[in-house]
Protein backbone atom coordinates (compact mmCIF):
# COMPACT_ATOMS: atom_id res chain seq x y z
CA MET A 1 -6.65 -1.83 22.72
CA SER A 2 -9.65 -3.58 20.84
CA HIS A 3 -9.91 -2.62 16.80
CA GLN A 4 -12.77 -0.42 18.06
CA SER A 5 -10.35 1.56 20.21
CA GLN A 6 -8.25 1.97 17.28
CA ASP A 7 -11.27 3.84 15.44
CA GLN A 8 -11.92 5.84 17.94
CA ASP A 9 -7.65 7.18 18.00
CA SER A 10 -8.38 7.54 14.50
CA ALA A 11 -11.47 9.60 14.83
CA ASP A 12 -10.01 12.75 13.19
CA SER A 13 -8.62 10.92 10.38
CA GLN A 14 -10.87 10.42 7.25
CA ARG A 15 -10.74 8.25 4.14
CA LEU A 16 -9.09 10.24 1.68
CA PRO A 17 -7.16 10.13 -2.00
CA TYR A 18 -3.22 10.35 -1.65
CA THR A 19 -0.99 10.76 -4.73
CA GLY A 20 1.68 9.00 -5.09
CA SER A 21 4.76 8.11 -7.71
CA CYS A 22 8.23 6.71 -8.65
CA HIS A 23 10.87 9.55 -8.93
CA CYS A 24 10.27 9.97 -12.48
CA GLY A 25 7.40 10.76 -13.20
CA GLU A 26 6.77 7.67 -15.11
CA ILE A 27 4.36 5.48 -12.65
CA ARG A 28 1.84 7.39 -10.88
CA TYR A 29 -1.32 6.70 -9.03
CA ILE A 30 -4.09 7.16 -6.11
CA VAL A 31 -4.75 5.11 -3.28
CA TYR A 32 -7.72 5.79 -0.94
CA LEU A 33 -5.99 5.78 3.18
CA THR A 34 -6.99 7.10 6.62
CA LEU A 35 -4.29 8.68 7.75
CA PRO A 36 -2.39 9.30 10.12
CA PRO A 37 -2.94 5.28 10.97
CA ALA A 38 -3.80 4.69 14.30
CA THR A 39 -1.05 3.45 16.75
CA LEU A 40 -1.18 -0.48 17.15
CA LEU A 41 0.33 -0.40 20.68
CA ASN A 42 -1.37 -2.79 23.38
CA SER A 43 -3.60 -3.84 20.57
CA GLU A 44 -4.04 -7.43 18.61
CA PRO A 45 -2.27 -7.42 15.08
CA PRO A 46 -5.39 -6.69 12.48
CA PRO A 47 -6.69 -8.95 10.35
CA SER A 48 -5.33 -9.49 6.89
CA ARG A 49 -8.00 -8.72 4.44
CA GLY A 50 -10.65 -6.13 5.00
CA VAL A 51 -9.07 -3.49 7.14
CA GLN A 52 -5.86 -0.68 5.88
CA ARG A 53 -2.32 -2.03 7.13
CA VAL A 54 1.03 -0.81 7.23
CA TYR A 55 3.67 -3.00 7.74
CA ARG A 56 7.17 -4.18 7.78
CA CYS A 57 8.18 -7.62 6.18
CA ASN A 58 12.51 -8.91 7.17
CA CYS A 59 12.28 -11.12 4.31
CA THR A 60 14.71 -10.45 2.18
CA ILE A 61 13.48 -9.16 -1.10
CA CYS A 62 10.99 -6.56 1.25
CA HIS A 63 14.05 -6.37 3.85
CA LYS A 64 17.01 -5.34 0.30
CA SER A 65 13.96 -3.21 -1.46
CA GLY A 66 13.60 -1.27 1.28
CA PHE A 67 9.48 -1.97 0.91
CA LEU A 68 6.83 -0.27 3.46
CA HIS A 69 4.07 -2.63 3.11
CA VAL A 70 0.93 0.50 2.89
CA ARG A 71 -2.28 -2.08 2.24
CA PRO A 72 -5.45 -0.10 1.54
CA ALA A 73 -8.83 -1.66 3.22
CA SER A 74 -9.77 -2.28 -0.42
CA ALA A 75 -7.03 -2.96 -3.44
CA PHE A 76 -10.40 -3.03 -5.26
CA ASP A 77 -11.91 0.20 -4.69
CA ASP A 78 -8.86 2.19 -2.76
CA PHE A 79 -6.18 2.07 -5.59
CA LEU A 80 -5.90 3.86 -8.73
CA LEU A 81 -3.11 3.33 -10.81
CA LEU A 82 -3.09 6.58 -13.49
CA SER A 83 0.51 5.48 -15.62
CA PRO A 84 1.25 3.24 -17.12
CA LEU A 85 -2.50 1.73 -17.88
CA ASP A 86 -0.74 -2.13 -18.67
CA PRO A 87 1.56 -2.48 -15.55
CA LEU A 88 2.49 -6.18 -16.05
CA LYS A 89 3.40 -4.92 -19.27
CA SER A 90 4.74 -1.70 -19.31
CA LEU A 91 6.69 -1.82 -15.86
CA GLY A 92 9.64 -3.60 -14.58
CA ASP A 93 8.76 -7.08 -13.69
CA TYR A 94 10.60 -9.55 -10.78
CA VAL A 95 8.83 -13.01 -9.01
CA CYS A 96 10.30 -14.67 -6.47
CA ASN A 97 10.59 -16.75 -4.31
CA ASN A 98 6.43 -18.98 -5.24
CA GLU A 99 7.10 -17.18 -8.40
CA THR A 100 3.26 -14.97 -8.14
CA LEU A 101 4.16 -11.83 -6.92
CA HIS A 102 4.92 -9.28 -8.71
CA PHE A 103 7.45 -6.65 -7.39
CA LEU A 104 6.75 -4.06 -10.52
CA TYR A 105 9.27 -1.06 -10.72
CA CYS A 106 10.16 1.41 -13.03
CA LYS A 107 12.21 0.78 -16.19
CA THR A 108 13.50 4.46 -15.98
CA CYS A 109 14.20 5.33 -12.51
CA ALA A 110 13.85 1.29 -11.26
CA VAL A 111 11.89 2.65 -8.12
CA ARG A 112 9.09 -0.19 -7.01
CA CYS A 113 5.89 1.34 -6.36
CA PHE A 114 3.66 -1.46 -5.53
CA ILE A 115 3.38 -5.31 -5.79
CA PHE A 116 1.08 -7.05 -7.17
CA TYR A 117 -1.00 -10.26 -7.65
CA GLY A 118 -4.12 -11.21 -9.84
CA GLU A 119 -6.04 -9.28 -12.71
CA GLY A 120 -6.24 -6.10 -13.65
CA GLU A 121 -8.56 -3.81 -15.48
CA ALA A 122 -8.93 -0.32 -17.34
CA VAL A 123 -11.99 2.07 -16.44
CA ASP A 124 -13.26 5.36 -16.46
CA VAL A 125 -13.15 7.25 -12.77
CA SER A 126 -13.89 10.58 -11.74
CA LEU A 127 -11.91 12.05 -10.20
CA PRO A 128 -10.70 16.33 -8.60
CA GLU A 129 -8.89 17.57 -11.22
CA ALA A 130 -5.97 18.63 -9.25
CA VAL A 131 -5.51 15.48 -7.91
CA ALA A 132 -6.02 13.54 -10.65
CA SER A 133 -2.81 15.47 -12.23
CA GLY A 134 -0.89 15.11 -8.76
CA GLY A 135 -0.76 18.92 -8.23
CA ALA A 136 -2.88 18.81 -5.03
CA LYS A 137 -3.10 17.57 -1.74
CA SER A 138 -5.25 14.80 -0.76
CA GLY A 139 -8.59 16.15 0.05
CA SER A 140 -9.65 18.46 -2.55
CA GLU A 141 -13.00 19.33 -2.91
CA GLU A 142 -12.73 20.42 -7.10
CA ASP A 143 -14.94 19.44 -9.61
CA GLY A 144 -14.61 15.46 -10.83
CA VAL A 145 -12.77 14.76 -14.40
CA SER A 146 -13.03 11.90 -16.48
CA VAL A 147 -9.97 10.05 -16.36
CA LYS A 148 -8.57 6.84 -17.37
CA ALA A 149 -6.97 4.88 -14.80
CA TRP A 150 -5.53 0.69 -14.25
CA ARG A 151 -6.98 -1.11 -11.08
CA PRO A 152 -6.87 -4.45 -9.64
CA LYS A 153 -10.39 -6.24 -10.91
CA LYS A 154 -12.93 -7.33 -7.82
CA VAL A 155 -12.39 -10.77 -7.67
CA GLU A 156 -13.83 -13.03 -4.58
CA PHE A 157 -11.37 -14.36 -2.45
CA ASN A 158 -10.40 -17.85 -2.64
CA ASP A 159 -8.54 -20.15 0.06
CA SER A 160 -7.53 -22.56 -2.55
CA LEU A 161 -5.80 -19.86 -4.72
CA PRO A 162 -2.10 -18.34 -4.55
CA ASN A 163 -2.76 -14.97 -2.39
CA ARG A 164 -6.65 -16.15 -2.19
CA GLY A 165 -6.81 -14.89 -5.69
CA SER A 166 -5.75 -10.63 -5.62
CA TYR A 167 -2.40 -8.86 -4.01
CA LEU A 168 -1.92 -5.30 -3.97
CA SER A 169 0.70 -3.61 -1.11
CA VAL A 170 1.65 0.14 -1.73
CA ASN A 171 5.16 1.16 -0.79
CA GLY A 172 4.41 3.95 1.82
CA HIS A 173 8.19 5.15 0.39
CA THR A 174 6.42 6.69 -3.38
CA ILE A 175 3.08 8.00 -1.59
CA ASP A 176 4.17 11.66 -2.53
CA ALA A 177 5.95 14.10 0.20
CA GLY A 178 3.65 17.31 1.92
CA GLN A 179 0.37 15.11 2.06
CA LYS A 180 -2.10 15.66 5.43
CA GLY A 181 -1.33 12.72 7.96
CA VAL A 182 2.01 11.27 5.47
CA ASP A 183 4.84 11.51 8.41
CA LEU A 184 6.77 8.23 8.23
CA ARG A 185 8.32 9.33 11.50
CA GLU A 186 4.69 9.69 13.49
CA TRP A 187 3.92 6.18 11.58
CA VAL A 188 6.98 4.70 13.66
CA GLU A 189 6.97 6.91 16.76
CA THR A 190 3.18 6.36 17.85
CA ARG A 191 3.26 1.81 16.47
CA ALA A 192 1.26 2.54 13.92
CA VAL A 193 3.95 0.34 11.86
CA MET A 194 3.41 -3.49 12.30
CA TYR A 195 6.42 -6.11 12.32
CA LEU A 196 6.33 -9.42 10.43
CA ASP A 197 7.85 -12.31 10.55
CA TYR A 198 8.93 -13.64 7.27
CA LEU A 199 12.45 -14.58 7.65
CA PRO A 200 12.78 -18.97 6.45
CA ASN A 201 13.21 -20.38 10.50
CA ASP A 202 12.23 -22.83 12.80
CA GLY A 203 9.44 -20.70 14.36
CA ARG A 204 7.59 -17.43 12.84
CA LEU A 205 7.00 -14.97 15.35
CA PRO A 206 3.99 -13.00 15.99
CA PRO A 207 3.84 -9.60 14.24
CA ARG A 208 4.54 -7.04 16.85
CA CYS A 209 4.90 -3.49 16.48
CA GLU A 210 7.16 -2.44 19.37
CA ALA A 211 10.50 -3.61 17.39
CA PRO A 212 11.25 -4.74 14.08
CA HIS A 213 12.28 -8.93 13.93
CA VAL A 214 15.80 -10.22 12.62
CA GLY A 215 16.47 -8.98 9.84
CA GLY A 216 14.19 -6.25 9.86
CA SER A 217 14.30 -1.94 10.14
CA TYR A 218 12.34 0.56 11.22
């Protein structure tokens, strides 16, 4: 199955704003996604940039923290952090391995909502009022209100820089339940979740959607 076929499979889906949060509500964000994600069965693994991706990694930090990677098509255009507005100062921060990725977490409830590397910026954006307050289901058509939000700062990708200069991955477990297309059981059952092999070993296995690699989980 080609990427074009995947697009056809999700013809009924459309890019919509989805709210997410930590358990206590200190972290609140909006991520624009096309849900439910298309099946990856019998298809080539999607490219690492420019398309929406959902995957699990079997590396120790991702596995131990139960992180379900949801990578929006464009981190610069598809992610808005409503609270806090200075995440690298206000949130707990854990770095490991190459010490470039920030595994950010809420200092109150300890939930990890996203991983980030790069520069961010505070901007004024217009959002449907109920979406901005976290009280509406995705796709609300209400009149917009102006709010402050933080987002990754747009950069030109550079292969000579760590993570090509910018990286954002949202924890799918923190997308608020009850929104259209947010059924993680369905994502797994339809083979829309890719499994990556990043445990240190003699040979890294290719991505697949049928089952996790050794050391990983569904």
